[in-house]
Full PDB file with SEQRES, HELIX, SHEET, SSBOND, CRYST1, ORIGX, SCALE, CONECT and MASTER records, all heavy atoms in Angstrom:
SEQRES   1 A   30  PHE PRO SER ARG ILE VAL LYS LYS ARG ALA ARG GLU SER          
SEQRES   2 A   30  ARG ARG PHE PRO MET PHE GLU ARG PHE THR GLU ARG ALA          
SEQRES   3 A   30  ARG ALA VAL VAL                                              
HELIX    1 AA1 MET A   18  ARG A   21  5                                   4    
HELIX    2 AA2 GLU A   24  VAL A   29  1                                   6    
CRYST1    1.000    1.000    1.000  90.00  90.00  90.00 P 1           1          
ORIGX1      1.000000  0.000000  0.000000        0.00000                         
ORIGX2      0.000000  1.000000  0.000000        0.00000                         
ORIGX3      0.000000  0.000000  1.000000        0.00000                         
SCALE1      1.000000  0.000000  0.000000        0.00000                         
SCALE2      0.000000  1.000000  0.000000        0.00000                         
SCALE3      0.000000  0.000000  1.000000        0.00000                         
ATOM      1  N   PHE A   1    -197.680  -7.791 -48.725  1.00  0.00           N  
ATOM      2  CA  PHE A   1    -197.971  -6.449 -49.214  1.00  0.00           C  
ATOM      3  C   PHE A   1    -198.094  -5.448 -48.052  1.00  0.00           C  
ATOM      4  O   PHE A   1    -198.427  -5.830 -46.929  1.00  0.00           O  
ATOM      5  CB  PHE A   1    -199.267  -6.458 -50.028  1.00  0.00           C  
ATOM      6  CG  PHE A   1    -199.205  -7.340 -51.242  1.00  0.00           C  
ATOM      7  CD1 PHE A   1    -199.711  -8.631 -51.198  1.00  0.00           C  
ATOM      8  CD2 PHE A   1    -198.628  -6.888 -52.421  1.00  0.00           C  
ATOM      9  CE1 PHE A   1    -199.649  -9.455 -52.315  1.00  0.00           C  
ATOM     10  CE2 PHE A   1    -198.559  -7.703 -53.534  1.00  0.00           C  
ATOM     11  CZ  PHE A   1    -199.068  -8.987 -53.485  1.00  0.00           C  
ATOM     12  N   PRO A   2    -197.829  -4.167 -48.317  1.00  0.00           N  
ATOM     13  CA  PRO A   2    -197.926  -3.136 -47.270  1.00  0.00           C  
ATOM     14  C   PRO A   2    -199.345  -3.039 -46.714  1.00  0.00           C  
ATOM     15  O   PRO A   2    -200.323  -3.153 -47.457  1.00  0.00           O  
ATOM     16  CB  PRO A   2    -197.525  -1.845 -47.997  1.00  0.00           C  
ATOM     17  CG  PRO A   2    -196.776  -2.294 -49.205  1.00  0.00           C  
ATOM     18  CD  PRO A   2    -197.382  -3.604 -49.606  1.00  0.00           C  
ATOM     19  N   SER A   3    -199.456  -2.833 -45.428  1.00  0.00           N  
ATOM     20  CA  SER A   3    -200.763  -2.679 -44.795  1.00  0.00           C  
ATOM     21  C   SER A   3    -200.722  -1.512 -43.824  1.00  0.00           C  
ATOM     22  O   SER A   3    -199.652  -1.132 -43.341  1.00  0.00           O  
ATOM     23  CB  SER A   3    -201.174  -3.968 -44.072  1.00  0.00           C  
ATOM     24  OG  SER A   3    -200.182  -4.361 -43.142  1.00  0.00           O  
ATOM     25  N   ARG A   4    -201.882  -0.961 -43.523  1.00  0.00           N  
ATOM     26  CA  ARG A   4    -201.948   0.184 -42.617  1.00  0.00           C  
ATOM     27  C   ARG A   4    -203.320   0.254 -41.967  1.00  0.00           C  
ATOM     28  O   ARG A   4    -204.263  -0.428 -42.401  1.00  0.00           O  
ATOM     29  CB  ARG A   4    -201.676   1.483 -43.380  1.00  0.00           C  
ATOM     30  CG  ARG A   4    -202.793   1.871 -44.358  1.00  0.00           C  
ATOM     31  CD  ARG A   4    -202.477   3.150 -45.103  1.00  0.00           C  
ATOM     32  NE  ARG A   4    -203.602   3.555 -45.948  1.00  0.00           N  
ATOM     33  CZ  ARG A   4    -203.582   4.604 -46.772  1.00  0.00           C  
ATOM     34  NH1 ARG A   4    -202.478   5.342 -46.864  1.00  0.00           N  
ATOM     35  NH2 ARG A   4    -204.650   4.910 -47.505  1.00  0.00           N  
ATOM     36  N   ILE A   5    -203.427   1.077 -40.922  1.00  0.00           N  
ATOM     37  CA  ILE A   5    -204.702   1.326 -40.255  1.00  0.00           C  
ATOM     38  C   ILE A   5    -205.137   2.756 -40.560  1.00  0.00           C  
ATOM     39  O   ILE A   5    -204.328   3.682 -40.497  1.00  0.00           O  
ATOM     40  CB  ILE A   5    -204.587   1.134 -38.723  1.00  0.00           C  
ATOM     41  CG1 ILE A   5    -204.327  -0.328 -38.387  1.00  0.00           C  
ATOM     42  CG2 ILE A   5    -205.863   1.617 -38.026  1.00  0.00           C  
ATOM     43  CD1 ILE A   5    -204.104  -0.574 -36.910  1.00  0.00           C  
ATOM     44  N   VAL A   6    -206.407   2.914 -40.892  1.00  0.00           N  
ATOM     45  CA  VAL A   6    -206.967   4.229 -41.159  1.00  0.00           C  
ATOM     46  C   VAL A   6    -208.160   4.445 -40.235  1.00  0.00           C  
ATOM     47  O   VAL A   6    -209.075   3.615 -40.210  1.00  0.00           O  
ATOM     48  CB  VAL A   6    -207.412   4.375 -42.630  1.00  0.00           C  
ATOM     49  CG1 VAL A   6    -208.035   5.747 -42.855  1.00  0.00           C  
ATOM     50  CG2 VAL A   6    -206.229   4.168 -43.566  1.00  0.00           C  
ATOM     51  N   LYS A   7    -208.129   5.511 -39.467  1.00  0.00           N  
ATOM     52  CA  LYS A   7    -209.240   5.837 -38.578  1.00  0.00           C  
ATOM     53  C   LYS A   7    -210.243   6.698 -39.328  1.00  0.00           C  
ATOM     54  O   LYS A   7    -209.875   7.680 -39.970  1.00  0.00           O  
ATOM     55  CB  LYS A   7    -208.719   6.593 -37.344  1.00  0.00           C  
ATOM     56  CG  LYS A   7    -209.801   6.969 -36.336  1.00  0.00           C  
ATOM     57  CD  LYS A   7    -209.191   7.721 -35.163  1.00  0.00           C  
ATOM     58  CE  LYS A   7    -210.264   8.146 -34.162  1.00  0.00           C  
ATOM     59  NZ  LYS A   7    -209.672   8.902 -33.040  1.00  0.00           N  
ATOM     60  N   LYS A   8    -211.513   6.304 -39.238  1.00  0.00           N  
ATOM     61  CA  LYS A   8    -212.559   7.031 -39.960  1.00  0.00           C  
ATOM     62  C   LYS A   8    -213.779   7.243 -39.063  1.00  0.00           C  
ATOM     63  O   LYS A   8    -213.893   6.644 -37.995  1.00  0.00           O  
ATOM     64  CB  LYS A   8    -212.970   6.270 -41.227  1.00  0.00           C  
ATOM     65  CG  LYS A   8    -211.862   6.128 -42.260  1.00  0.00           C  
ATOM     66  CD  LYS A   8    -212.364   5.420 -43.505  1.00  0.00           C  
ATOM     67  CE  LYS A   8    -211.264   5.306 -44.553  1.00  0.00           C  
ATOM     68  NZ  LYS A   8    -211.731   4.617 -45.778  1.00  0.00           N  
ATOM     69  N   ARG A   9    -214.672   8.094 -39.539  1.00  0.00           N  
ATOM     70  CA  ARG A   9    -215.953   8.280 -38.872  1.00  0.00           C  
ATOM     71  C   ARG A   9    -217.004   7.528 -39.670  1.00  0.00           C  
ATOM     72  O   ARG A   9    -217.038   7.583 -40.894  1.00  0.00           O  
ATOM     73  CB  ARG A   9    -216.327   9.758 -38.799  1.00  0.00           C  
ATOM     74  CG  ARG A   9    -215.401  10.605 -37.952  1.00  0.00           C  
ATOM     75  CD  ARG A   9    -215.475  10.250 -36.488  1.00  0.00           C  
ATOM     76  NE  ARG A   9    -216.789  10.564 -35.930  1.00  0.00           N  
ATOM     77  CZ  ARG A   9    -217.131  10.304 -34.678  1.00  0.00           C  
ATOM     78  NH1 ARG A   9    -216.271   9.682 -33.865  1.00  0.00           N  
ATOM     79  NH2 ARG A   9    -218.315  10.630 -34.221  1.00  0.00           N  
ATOM     80  N   ALA A  10    -217.849   6.791 -38.974  1.00  0.00           N  
ATOM     81  CA  ALA A  10    -218.884   6.012 -39.642  1.00  0.00           C  
ATOM     82  C   ALA A  10    -220.221   6.234 -38.948  1.00  0.00           C  
ATOM     83  O   ALA A  10    -220.278   6.690 -37.802  1.00  0.00           O  
ATOM     84  CB  ALA A  10    -218.526   4.525 -39.625  1.00  0.00           C  
ATOM     85  N   ARG A  11    -221.284   5.912 -39.655  1.00  0.00           N  
ATOM     86  CA  ARG A  11    -222.615   6.031 -39.054  1.00  0.00           C  
ATOM     87  C   ARG A  11    -222.729   5.119 -37.843  1.00  0.00           C  
ATOM     88  O   ARG A  11    -222.158   4.030 -37.820  1.00  0.00           O  
ATOM     89  CB  ARG A  11    -223.695   5.668 -40.079  1.00  0.00           C  
ATOM     90  CG  ARG A  11    -223.780   6.647 -41.248  1.00  0.00           C  
ATOM     91  CD  ARG A  11    -224.898   6.256 -42.182  1.00  0.00           C  
ATOM     92  NE  ARG A  11    -224.982   7.150 -43.324  1.00  0.00           N  
ATOM     93  CZ  ARG A  11    -225.886   7.049 -44.290  1.00  0.00           C  
ATOM     94  NH1 ARG A  11    -226.786   6.070 -44.232  1.00  0.00           N  
ATOM     95  NH2 ARG A  11    -225.896   7.898 -45.282  1.00  0.00           N  
ATOM     96  N   GLU A  12    -223.477   5.542 -36.888  1.00  0.00           N  
ATOM     97  CA  GLU A  12    -223.620   4.782 -35.652  1.00  0.00           C  
ATOM     98  C   GLU A  12    -224.151   3.384 -35.906  1.00  0.00           C  
ATOM     99  O   GLU A  12    -223.819   2.439 -35.190  1.00  0.00           O  
ATOM    100  CB  GLU A  12    -224.566   5.516 -34.694  1.00  0.00           C  
ATOM    101  CG  GLU A  12    -224.745   4.851 -33.339  1.00  0.00           C  
ATOM    102  CD  GLU A  12    -223.454   4.792 -32.547  1.00  0.00           C  
ATOM    103  OE1 GLU A  12    -222.618   5.702 -32.703  1.00  0.00           O  
ATOM    104  OE2 GLU A  12    -223.275   3.830 -31.782  1.00  0.00           O  
ATOM    105  N   SER A  13    -224.957   3.240 -36.965  1.00  0.00           N  
ATOM    106  CA  SER A  13    -225.576   1.937 -37.246  1.00  0.00           C  
ATOM    107  C   SER A  13    -224.603   0.937 -37.853  1.00  0.00           C  
ATOM    108  O   SER A  13    -224.891  -0.249 -37.935  1.00  0.00           O  
ATOM    109  CB  SER A  13    -226.766   2.112 -38.201  1.00  0.00           C  
ATOM    110  OG  SER A  13    -226.333   2.684 -39.422  1.00  0.00           O  
ATOM    111  N   ARG A  14    -223.446   1.410 -38.278  1.00  0.00           N  
ATOM    112  CA  ARG A  14    -222.506   0.514 -38.952  1.00  0.00           C  
ATOM    113  C   ARG A  14    -221.830  -0.425 -37.964  1.00  0.00           C  
ATOM    114  O   ARG A  14    -221.302  -0.006 -36.951  1.00  0.00           O  
ATOM    115  CB  ARG A  14    -221.443   1.311 -39.708  1.00  0.00           C  
ATOM    116  CG  ARG A  14    -220.505   0.418 -40.524  1.00  0.00           C  
ATOM    117  CD  ARG A  14    -219.528   1.243 -41.319  1.00  0.00           C  
ATOM    118  NE  ARG A  14    -218.630   0.396 -42.092  1.00  0.00           N  
ATOM    119  CZ  ARG A  14    -217.619   0.858 -42.796  1.00  0.00           C  
ATOM    120  NH1 ARG A  14    -217.371   2.155 -42.820  1.00  0.00           N  
ATOM    121  NH2 ARG A  14    -216.837   0.039 -43.467  1.00  0.00           N  
ATOM    122  N   ARG A  15    -221.864  -1.706 -38.265  1.00  0.00           N  
ATOM    123  CA  ARG A  15    -221.212  -2.707 -37.429  1.00  0.00           C  
ATOM    124  C   ARG A  15    -220.453  -3.670 -38.343  1.00  0.00           C  
ATOM    125  O   ARG A  15    -220.551  -3.614 -39.554  1.00  0.00           O  
ATOM    126  CB  ARG A  15    -222.243  -3.469 -36.578  1.00  0.00           C  
ATOM    127  CG  ARG A  15    -222.834  -2.622 -35.438  1.00  0.00           C  
ATOM    128  CD  ARG A  15    -221.771  -2.288 -34.400  1.00  0.00           C  
ATOM    129  NE  ARG A  15    -222.318  -1.562 -33.262  1.00  0.00           N  
ATOM    130  CZ  ARG A  15    -222.400  -0.252 -33.185  1.00  0.00           C  
ATOM    131  NH1 ARG A  15    -222.006   0.496 -34.200  1.00  0.00           N  
ATOM    132  NH2 ARG A  15    -222.902   0.325 -32.121  1.00  0.00           N  
ATOM    133  N   PHE A  16    -219.689  -4.584 -37.759  1.00  0.00           N  
ATOM    134  CA  PHE A  16    -218.873  -5.494 -38.537  1.00  0.00           C  
ATOM    135  C   PHE A  16    -219.202  -6.950 -38.199  1.00  0.00           C  
ATOM    136  O   PHE A  16    -218.527  -7.578 -37.399  1.00  0.00           O  
ATOM    137  CB  PHE A  16    -217.392  -5.213 -38.276  1.00  0.00           C  
ATOM    138  CG  PHE A  16    -216.989  -3.813 -38.649  1.00  0.00           C  
ATOM    139  CD1 PHE A  16    -216.767  -2.859 -37.669  1.00  0.00           C  
ATOM    140  CD2 PHE A  16    -216.849  -3.465 -39.979  1.00  0.00           C  
ATOM    141  CE1 PHE A  16    -216.409  -1.574 -38.022  1.00  0.00           C  
ATOM    142  CE2 PHE A  16    -216.478  -2.167 -40.341  1.00  0.00           C  
ATOM    143  CZ  PHE A  16    -216.262  -1.227 -39.352  1.00  0.00           C  
ATOM    144  N   PRO A  17    -220.296  -7.501 -38.792  1.00  0.00           N  
ATOM    145  CA  PRO A  17    -220.639  -8.909 -38.567  1.00  0.00           C  
ATOM    146  C   PRO A  17    -219.667  -9.822 -39.302  1.00  0.00           C  
ATOM    147  O   PRO A  17    -218.669  -9.373 -39.864  1.00  0.00           O  
ATOM    148  CB  PRO A  17    -222.057  -9.005 -39.153  1.00  0.00           C  
ATOM    149  CG  PRO A  17    -222.090  -7.951 -40.201  1.00  0.00           C  
ATOM    150  CD  PRO A  17    -221.242  -6.829 -39.674  1.00  0.00           C  
ATOM    151  N   MET A  18    -219.983 -11.126 -39.368  1.00  0.00           N  
ATOM    152  CA  MET A  18    -219.033 -12.088 -39.914  1.00  0.00           C  
ATOM    153  C   MET A  18    -218.594 -11.740 -41.336  1.00  0.00           C  
ATOM    154  O   MET A  18    -217.403 -11.779 -41.650  1.00  0.00           O  
ATOM    155  CB  MET A  18    -219.624 -13.503 -39.908  1.00  0.00           C  
ATOM    156  CG  MET A  18    -218.603 -14.566 -40.320  1.00  0.00           C  
ATOM    157  SD  MET A  18    -219.294 -16.211 -40.593  1.00  0.00           S  
ATOM    158  CE  MET A  18    -219.832 -16.080 -42.292  1.00  0.00           C  
ATOM    159  N   PHE A  19    -219.537 -11.377 -42.211  1.00  0.00           N  
ATOM    160  CA  PHE A  19    -219.156 -11.100 -43.584  1.00  0.00           C  
ATOM    161  C   PHE A  19    -218.291  -9.857 -43.705  1.00  0.00           C  
ATOM    162  O   PHE A  19    -217.600  -9.676 -44.700  1.00  0.00           O  
ATOM    163  CB  PHE A  19    -220.398 -10.993 -44.476  1.00  0.00           C  
ATOM    164  CG  PHE A  19    -220.892 -12.323 -44.957  1.00  0.00           C  
ATOM    165  CD1 PHE A  19    -221.943 -12.958 -44.318  1.00  0.00           C  
ATOM    166  CD2 PHE A  19    -220.285 -12.964 -46.021  1.00  0.00           C  
ATOM    167  CE1 PHE A  19    -222.382 -14.201 -44.737  1.00  0.00           C  
ATOM    168  CE2 PHE A  19    -220.725 -14.211 -46.464  1.00  0.00           C  
ATOM    169  CZ  PHE A  19    -221.779 -14.831 -45.819  1.00  0.00           C  
ATOM    170  N   GLU A  20    -218.328  -8.993 -42.691  1.00  0.00           N  
ATOM    171  CA  GLU A  20    -217.436  -7.836 -42.692  1.00  0.00           C  
ATOM    172  C   GLU A  20    -216.004  -8.264 -42.413  1.00  0.00           C  
ATOM    173  O   GLU A  20    -215.072  -7.485 -42.600  1.00  0.00           O  
ATOM    174  CB  GLU A  20    -217.891  -6.792 -41.664  1.00  0.00           C  
ATOM    175  CG  GLU A  20    -219.089  -5.979 -42.087  1.00  0.00           C  
ATOM    176  CD  GLU A  20    -218.769  -5.023 -43.221  1.00  0.00           C  
ATOM    177  OE1 GLU A  20    -217.570  -4.739 -43.421  1.00  0.00           O  
ATOM    178  OE2 GLU A  20    -219.694  -4.570 -43.898  1.00  0.00           O  
ATOM    179  N   ARG A  21    -215.830  -9.492 -41.932  1.00  0.00           N  
ATOM    180  CA  ARG A  21    -214.478 -10.019 -41.714  1.00  0.00           C  
ATOM    181  C   ARG A  21    -213.872 -10.519 -43.010  1.00  0.00           C  
ATOM    182  O   ARG A  21    -212.680 -10.801 -43.068  1.00  0.00           O  
ATOM    183  CB  ARG A  21    -214.514 -11.140 -40.677  1.00  0.00           C  
ATOM    184  CG  ARG A  21    -214.917 -10.706 -39.277  1.00  0.00           C  
ATOM    185  CD  ARG A  21    -215.124 -11.914 -38.372  1.00  0.00           C  
ATOM    186  NE  ARG A  21    -213.948 -12.764 -38.326  1.00  0.00           N  
ATOM    187  CZ  ARG A  21    -213.963 -14.034 -37.900  1.00  0.00           C  
ATOM    188  NH1 ARG A  21    -215.103 -14.584 -37.524  1.00  0.00           N  
ATOM    189  NH2 ARG A  21    -212.856 -14.736 -37.869  1.00  0.00           N  
ATOM    190  N   PHE A  22    -214.697 -10.642 -44.058  1.00  0.00           N  
ATOM    191  CA  PHE A  22    -214.195 -11.090 -45.351  1.00  0.00           C  
ATOM    192  C   PHE A  22    -213.297 -10.017 -45.956  1.00  0.00           C  
ATOM    193  O   PHE A  22    -213.657  -8.841 -46.001  1.00  0.00           O  
ATOM    194  CB  PHE A  22    -215.359 -11.364 -46.305  1.00  0.00           C  
ATOM    195  CG  PHE A  22    -215.953 -12.732 -46.159  1.00  0.00           C  
ATOM    196  CD1 PHE A  22    -216.186 -13.268 -44.905  1.00  0.00           C  
ATOM    197  CD2 PHE A  22    -216.312 -13.473 -47.268  1.00  0.00           C  
ATOM    198  CE1 PHE A  22    -216.742 -14.520 -44.758  1.00  0.00           C  
ATOM    199  CE2 PHE A  22    -216.874 -14.729 -47.141  1.00  0.00           C  
ATOM    200  CZ  PHE A  22    -217.079 -15.258 -45.880  1.00  0.00           C  
ATOM    201  N   THR A  23    -212.126 -10.435 -46.442  1.00  0.00           N  
ATOM    202  CA  THR A  23    -211.256  -9.511 -47.149  1.00  0.00           C  
ATOM    203  C   THR A  23    -211.880  -9.202 -48.509  1.00  0.00           C  
ATOM    204  O   THR A  23    -212.854  -9.846 -48.923  1.00  0.00           O  
ATOM    205  CB  THR A  23    -209.861 -10.109 -47.362  1.00  0.00           C  
ATOM    206  OG1 THR A  23    -209.975 -11.249 -48.230  1.00  0.00           O  
ATOM    207  CG2 THR A  23    -209.240 -10.548 -46.035  1.00  0.00           C  
ATOM    208  N   GLU A  24    -211.308  -8.218 -49.203  1.00  0.00           N  
ATOM    209  CA  GLU A  24    -211.817  -7.885 -50.525  1.00  0.00           C  
ATOM    210  C   GLU A  24    -211.723  -9.086 -51.461  1.00  0.00           C  
ATOM    211  O   GLU A  24    -212.613  -9.313 -52.289  1.00  0.00           O  
ATOM    212  CB  GLU A  24    -211.033  -6.705 -51.101  1.00  0.00           C  
ATOM    213  CG  GLU A  24    -211.377  -5.362 -50.458  1.00  0.00           C  
ATOM    214  CD  GLU A  24    -212.829  -4.989 -50.654  1.00  0.00           C  
ATOM    215  OE1 GLU A  24    -213.329  -5.097 -51.796  1.00  0.00           O  
ATOM    216  OE2 GLU A  24    -213.487  -4.591 -49.673  1.00  0.00           O  
ATOM    217  N   ARG A  25    -210.655  -9.869 -51.334  1.00  0.00           N  
ATOM    218  CA  ARG A  25    -210.506 -11.051 -52.192  1.00  0.00           C  
ATOM    219  C   ARG A  25    -211.553 -12.102 -51.863  1.00  0.00           C  
ATOM    220  O   ARG A  25    -212.068 -12.786 -52.760  1.00  0.00           O  
ATOM    221  CB  ARG A  25    -209.097 -11.624 -52.073  1.00  0.00           C  
ATOM    222  CG  ARG A  25    -208.014 -10.744 -52.663  1.00  0.00           C  
ATOM    223  CD  ARG A  25    -206.653 -11.423 -52.673  1.00  0.00           C  
ATOM    224  NE  ARG A  25    -206.239 -11.856 -51.348  1.00  0.00           N  
ATOM    225  CZ  ARG A  25    -206.093 -13.130 -50.980  1.00  0.00           C  
ATOM    226  NH1 ARG A  25    -206.315 -14.097 -51.845  1.00  0.00           N  
ATOM    227  NH2 ARG A  25    -205.712 -13.443 -49.765  1.00  0.00           N  
ATOM    228  N   ALA A  26    -211.889 -12.252 -50.580  1.00  0.00           N  
ATOM    229  CA  ALA A  26    -212.919 -13.215 -50.182  1.00  0.00           C  
ATOM    230  C   ALA A  26    -214.290 -12.770 -50.684  1.00  0.00           C  
ATOM    231  O   ALA A  26    -215.114 -13.588 -51.116  1.00  0.00           O  
ATOM    232  CB  ALA A  26    -212.944 -13.373 -48.666  1.00  0.00           C  
ATOM    233  N   ARG A  27    -214.527 -11.466 -50.640  1.00  0.00           N  
ATOM    234  CA  ARG A  27    -215.793 -10.956 -51.180  1.00  0.00           C  
ATOM    235  C   ARG A  27    -215.854 -11.167 -52.690  1.00  0.00           C  
ATOM    236  O   ARG A  27    -216.920 -11.440 -53.239  1.00  0.00           O  
ATOM    237  CB  ARG A  27    -215.937  -9.478 -50.831  1.00  0.00           C  
ATOM    238  CG  ARG A  27    -216.084  -9.223 -49.342  1.00  0.00           C  
ATOM    239  CD  ARG A  27    -216.153  -7.756 -49.034  1.00  0.00           C  
ATOM    240  NE  ARG A  27    -216.056  -7.530 -47.599  1.00  0.00           N  
ATOM    241  CZ  ARG A  27    -216.085  -6.341 -47.039  1.00  0.00           C  
ATOM    242  NH1 ARG A  27    -216.207  -5.268 -47.790  1.00  0.00           N  
ATOM    243  NH2 ARG A  27    -215.989  -6.217 -45.727  1.00  0.00           N  
ATOM    244  N   ALA A  28    -214.687 -11.039 -53.335  1.00  0.00           N  
ATOM    245  CA  ALA A  28    -214.637 -11.282 -54.775  1.00  0.00           C  
ATOM    246  C   ALA A  28    -214.992 -12.735 -55.072  1.00  0.00           C  
ATOM    247  O   ALA A  28    -215.654 -13.032 -56.079  1.00  0.00           O  
ATOM    248  CB  ALA A  28    -213.248 -10.952 -55.320  1.00  0.00           C  
ATOM    249  N   VAL A  29    -214.584 -13.654 -54.206  1.00  0.00           N  
ATOM    250  CA  VAL A  29    -214.932 -15.070 -54.365  1.00  0.00           C  
ATOM    251  C   VAL A  29    -216.440 -15.237 -54.367  1.00  0.00           C  
ATOM    252  O   VAL A  29    -217.006 -15.944 -55.211  1.00  0.00           O  
ATOM    253  CB  VAL A  29    -214.302 -15.930 -53.240  1.00  0.00           C  
ATOM    254  CG1 VAL A  29    -214.911 -17.338 -53.238  1.00  0.00           C  
ATOM    255  CG2 VAL A  29    -212.797 -16.018 -53.408  1.00  0.00           C  
ATOM    256  N   VAL A  30    -217.113 -14.585 -53.419  1.00  0.00           N  
ATOM    257  CA  VAL A  30    -218.571 -14.687 -53.322  1.00  0.00           C  
ATOM    258  C   VAL A  30    -219.234 -14.083 -54.552  1.00  0.00           C  
ATOM    259  O   VAL A  30    -220.203 -14.636 -55.096  1.00  0.00           O  
ATOM    260  CB  VAL A  30    -219.072 -13.995 -52.040  1.00  0.00           C  
ATOM    261  CG1 VAL A  30    -220.597 -13.970 -52.008  1.00  0.00           C  
ATOM    262  CG2 VAL A  30    -218.534 -14.706 -50.804  1.00  0.00           C  
TER     263      VAL A  30                                                      
MASTER        0    0    0    2    0    0    0    6  262    1    0    3          
END                                                                             
């Protein structure tokens, strides 16, 4: 499927721990 990168502004506190590596489908599994 088509994929792309989108640059955004986020709160300084936002980080990407292990569960942030989960795709939407993986989160749906949980």
